[in-house]
Amino acid sequence: MYRFLWRKLPGGTALRLAVVLLLTGAAVAGLWYAVFPWLASRVPLG
């Protein structure tokens, strides 16, 4: 699966790596600032 996605990305290796890092960072930021706070208010902890 990852090989398929890697081949579908545009550009050379450096550009592909930059795109992967950018998308991963965006996904982590989305989880950190939107999903986790929303989830924390709905899951009883402690």
PDB file of N, CA and C in Angstrom:
ATOM      1  N   MET A   1       0.822  -1.182   0.000  1.00  0.00           N
ATOM      2  CA  MET A   1       0.000   0.000   0.000  1.00  0.00           C
ATOM      3  C   MET A   1       0.873   1.255   0.000  1.00  0.00           C
ATOM      4  N   TYR A   2       1.900   1.285   0.838  1.00  0.00           N
ATOM      5  CA  TYR A   2       2.739   2.472   0.906  1.00  0.00           C
ATOM      6  C   TYR A   2       3.516   2.671  -0.387  1.00  0.00           C
ATOM      7  N   ARG A   3       3.905   1.599  -1.016  1.00  0.00           N
ATOM      8  CA  ARG A   3       4.599   1.697  -2.298  1.00  0.00           C
ATOM      9  C   ARG A   3       3.683   2.318  -3.348  1.00  0.00           C
ATOM     10  N   PHE A   4       2.428   1.921  -3.350  1.00  0.00           N
ATOM     11  CA  PHE A   4       1.456   2.480  -4.281  1.00  0.00           C
ATOM     12  C   PHE A   4       1.303   3.982  -4.055  1.00  0.00           C
ATOM     13  N   LEU A   5       1.149   4.383  -2.796  1.00  0.00           N
ATOM     14  CA  LEU A   5       1.004   5.813  -2.487  1.00  0.00           C
ATOM     15  C   LEU A   5       2.264   6.590  -2.845  1.00  0.00           C
ATOM     16  N   TRP A   6       3.430   6.021  -2.565  1.00  0.00           N
ATOM     17  CA  TRP A   6       4.697   6.681  -2.869  1.00  0.00           C
ATOM     18  C   TRP A   6       4.829   6.921  -4.368  1.00  0.00           C
ATOM     19  N   ARG A   7       4.415   5.950  -5.183  1.00  0.00           N
ATOM     20  CA  ARG A   7       4.516   6.101  -6.636  1.00  0.00           C
ATOM     21  C   ARG A   7       3.518   7.122  -7.175  1.00  0.00           C
ATOM     22  N   LYS A   8       2.407   7.334  -6.478  1.00  0.00           N
ATOM     23  CA  LYS A   8       1.394   8.291  -6.932  1.00  0.00           C
ATOM     24  C   LYS A   8       1.745   9.739  -6.602  1.00  0.00           C
ATOM     25  N   LEU A   9       2.678   9.952  -5.678  1.00  0.00           N
ATOM     26  CA  LEU A   9       3.071  11.315  -5.329  1.00  0.00           C
ATOM     27  C   LEU A   9       3.887  11.930  -6.461  1.00  0.00           C
ATOM     28  N   PRO A  10       3.732  13.243  -6.685  1.00  0.00           N
ATOM     29  CA  PRO A  10       4.466  13.899  -7.773  1.00  0.00           C
ATOM     30  C   PRO A  10       5.916  14.186  -7.392  1.00  0.00           C
ATOM     31  N   GLY A  11       6.755  14.368  -8.389  1.00  0.00           N
ATOM     32  CA  GLY A  11       8.124  14.828  -8.182  1.00  0.00           C
ATOM     33  C   GLY A  11       9.110  13.725  -7.856  1.00  0.00           C
ATOM     34  N   GLY A  12      10.311  14.175  -7.518  1.00  0.00           N
ATOM     35  CA  GLY A  12      11.380  13.255  -7.166  1.00  0.00           C
ATOM     36  C   GLY A  12      11.323  12.870  -5.696  1.00  0.00           C
ATOM     37  N   THR A  13      12.362  12.235  -5.246  1.00  0.00           N
ATOM     38  CA  THR A  13      12.393  11.723  -3.879  1.00  0.00           C
ATOM     39  C   THR A  13      12.309  12.841  -2.846  1.00  0.00           C
ATOM     40  N   ALA A  14      13.027  13.930  -3.063  1.00  0.00           N
ATOM     41  CA  ALA A  14      13.022  15.031  -2.098  1.00  0.00           C
ATOM     42  C   ALA A  14      11.630  15.660  -1.989  1.00  0.00           C
ATOM     43  N   LEU A  15      10.968  15.874  -3.120  1.00  0.00           N
ATOM     44  CA  LEU A  15       9.629  16.462  -3.102  1.00  0.00           C
ATOM     45  C   LEU A  15       8.627  15.502  -2.471  1.00  0.00           C
ATOM     46  N   ARG A  16       8.741  14.237  -2.781  1.00  0.00           N
ATOM     47  CA  ARG A  16       7.848  13.239  -2.192  1.00  0.00           C
ATOM     48  C   ARG A  16       8.012  13.198  -0.683  1.00  0.00           C
ATOM     49  N   LEU A  17       9.240  13.234  -0.222  1.00  0.00           N
ATOM     50  CA  LEU A  17       9.502  13.222   1.205  1.00  0.00           C
ATOM     51  C   LEU A  17       8.913  14.465   1.871  1.00  0.00           C
ATOM     52  N   ALA A  18       9.055  15.607   1.227  1.00  0.00           N
ATOM     53  CA  ALA A  18       8.496  16.854   1.762  1.00  0.00           C
ATOM     54  C   ALA A  18       6.969  16.782   1.839  1.00  0.00           C
ATOM     55  N   VAL A  19       6.353  16.232   0.814  1.00  0.00           N
ATOM     56  CA  VAL A  19       4.889  16.102   0.805  1.00  0.00           C
ATOM     57  C   VAL A  19       4.436  15.149   1.905  1.00  0.00           C
ATOM     58  N   VAL A  20       5.125  14.042   2.065  1.00  0.00           N
ATOM     59  CA  VAL A  20       4.769  13.085   3.115  1.00  0.00           C
ATOM     60  C   VAL A  20       4.910  13.719   4.493  1.00  0.00           C
ATOM     61  N   LEU A  21       5.995  14.448   4.719  1.00  0.00           N
ATOM     62  CA  LEU A  21       6.185  15.101   6.013  1.00  0.00           C
ATOM     63  C   LEU A  21       5.122  16.167   6.262  1.00  0.00           C
ATOM     64  N   LEU A  22       4.777  16.922   5.242  1.00  0.00           N
ATOM     65  CA  LEU A  22       3.742  17.950   5.364  1.00  0.00           C
ATOM     66  C   LEU A  22       2.383  17.330   5.680  1.00  0.00           C
ATOM     67  N   LEU A  23       2.029  16.277   4.975  1.00  0.00           N
ATOM     68  CA  LEU A  23       0.740  15.621   5.211  1.00  0.00           C
ATOM     69  C   LEU A  23       0.694  14.952   6.582  1.00  0.00           C
ATOM     70  N   THR A  24       1.794  14.355   6.988  1.00  0.00           N
ATOM     71  CA  THR A  24       1.847  13.743   8.308  1.00  0.00           C
ATOM     72  C   THR A  24       1.721  14.802   9.402  1.00  0.00           C
ATOM     73  N   GLY A  25       2.418  15.912   9.238  1.00  0.00           N
ATOM     74  CA  GLY A  25       2.306  17.003  10.197  1.00  0.00           C
ATOM     75  C   GLY A  25       0.903  17.575  10.276  1.00  0.00           C
ATOM     76  N   ALA A  26       0.254  17.704   9.129  1.00  0.00           N
ATOM     77  CA  ALA A  26      -1.123  18.206   9.110  1.00  0.00           C
ATOM     78  C   ALA A  26      -2.066  17.237   9.811  1.00  0.00           C
ATOM     79  N   ALA A  27      -1.871  15.947   9.596  1.00  0.00           N
ATOM     80  CA  ALA A  27      -2.716  14.951  10.261  1.00  0.00           C
ATOM     81  C   ALA A  27      -2.507  14.963  11.762  1.00  0.00           C
ATOM     82  N   VAL A  28      -1.264  15.060  12.203  1.00  0.00           N
ATOM     83  CA  VAL A  28      -0.963  15.104  13.638  1.00  0.00           C
ATOM     84  C   VAL A  28      -1.548  16.367  14.257  1.00  0.00           C
ATOM     85  N   ALA A  29      -1.394  17.500  13.594  1.00  0.00           N
ATOM     86  CA  ALA A  29      -1.938  18.763  14.114  1.00  0.00           C
ATOM     87  C   ALA A  29      -3.463  18.701  14.185  1.00  0.00           C
ATOM     88  N   GLY A  30      -4.083  18.125  13.184  1.00  0.00           N
ATOM     89  CA  GLY A  30      -5.540  17.983  13.206  1.00  0.00           C
ATOM     90  C   GLY A  30      -6.015  17.126  14.365  1.00  0.00           C
ATOM     91  N   LEU A  31      -5.313  16.044  14.606  1.00  0.00           N
ATOM     92  CA  LEU A  31      -5.665  15.194  15.740  1.00  0.00           C
ATOM     93  C   LEU A  31      -5.427  15.928  17.056  1.00  0.00           C
ATOM     94  N   TRP A  32      -4.287  16.585  17.180  1.00  0.00           N
ATOM     95  CA  TRP A  32      -3.888  17.228  18.434  1.00  0.00           C
ATOM     96  C   TRP A  32      -4.818  18.376  18.816  1.00  0.00           C
ATOM     97  N   TYR A  33      -5.194  19.201  17.836  1.00  0.00           N
ATOM     98  CA  TYR A  33      -5.961  20.413  18.134  1.00  0.00           C
ATOM     99  C   TYR A  33      -7.463  20.271  17.949  1.00  0.00           C
ATOM    100  N   ALA A  34      -7.939  19.249  17.255  1.00  0.00           N
ATOM    101  CA  ALA A  34      -9.369  19.120  17.019  1.00  0.00           C
ATOM    102  C   ALA A  34      -9.947  17.832  17.604  1.00  0.00           C
ATOM    103  N   VAL A  35      -9.391  16.715  17.243  1.00  0.00           N
ATOM    104  CA  VAL A  35      -9.989  15.430  17.616  1.00  0.00           C
ATOM    105  C   VAL A  35      -9.763  15.111  19.090  1.00  0.00           C
ATOM    106  N   PHE A  36      -8.526  15.218  19.573  1.00  0.00           N
ATOM    107  CA  PHE A  36      -8.245  14.853  20.963  1.00  0.00           C
ATOM    108  C   PHE A  36      -8.990  15.730  21.967  1.00  0.00           C
ATOM    109  N   PRO A  37      -9.047  17.054  21.800  1.00  0.00           N
ATOM    110  CA  PRO A  37      -9.842  17.852  22.756  1.00  0.00           C
ATOM    111  C   PRO A  37     -11.333  17.491  22.722  1.00  0.00           C
ATOM    112  N   TRP A  38     -11.869  17.246  21.547  1.00  0.00           N
ATOM    113  CA  TRP A  38     -13.260  16.841  21.420  1.00  0.00           C
ATOM    114  C   TRP A  38     -13.498  15.505  22.124  1.00  0.00           C
ATOM    115  N   LEU A  39     -12.588  14.573  21.932  1.00  0.00           N
ATOM    116  CA  LEU A  39     -12.692  13.257  22.526  1.00  0.00           C
ATOM    117  C   LEU A  39     -12.521  13.303  24.046  1.00  0.00           C
ATOM    118  N   ALA A  40     -11.626  14.134  24.530  1.00  0.00           N
ATOM    119  CA  ALA A  40     -11.361  14.222  25.968  1.00  0.00           C
ATOM    120  C   ALA A  40     -12.581  14.718  26.728  1.00  0.00           C
ATOM    121  N   SER A  41     -13.402  15.558  26.109  1.00  0.00           N
ATOM    122  CA  SER A  41     -14.589  16.042  26.791  1.00  0.00           C
ATOM    123  C   SER A  41     -15.699  14.996  26.816  1.00  0.00           C
ATOM    124  N   ARG A  42     -15.565  13.940  26.044  1.00  0.00           N
ATOM    125  CA  ARG A  42     -16.611  12.914  25.980  1.00  0.00           C
ATOM    126  C   ARG A  42     -16.227  11.590  26.629  1.00  0.00           C
ATOM    127  N   VAL A  43     -14.966  11.406  26.960  1.00  0.00           N
ATOM    128  CA  VAL A  43     -14.507  10.162  27.564  1.00  0.00           C
ATOM    129  C   VAL A  43     -14.201  10.425  29.038  1.00  0.00           C
ATOM    130  N   PRO A  44     -14.890   9.714  29.916  1.00  0.00           N
ATOM    131  CA  PRO A  44     -14.615   9.925  31.350  1.00  0.00           C
ATOM    132  C   PRO A  44     -13.283   9.287  31.732  1.00  0.00           C
ATOM    133  N   LEU A  45     -12.363  10.106  32.192  1.00  0.00           N
ATOM    134  CA  LEU A  45     -11.060   9.628  32.636  1.00  0.00           C
ATOM    135  C   LEU A  45     -10.949   9.819  34.136  1.00  0.00           C
ATOM    136  N   GLY A  46     -10.603   8.770  34.823  1.00  0.00           N
ATOM    137  CA  GLY A  46     -10.380   8.851  36.266  1.00  0.00           C
ATOM    138  C   GLY A  46     -11.655   8.857  37.010  1.00  0.00           C
TER     139      GLY A  46
END
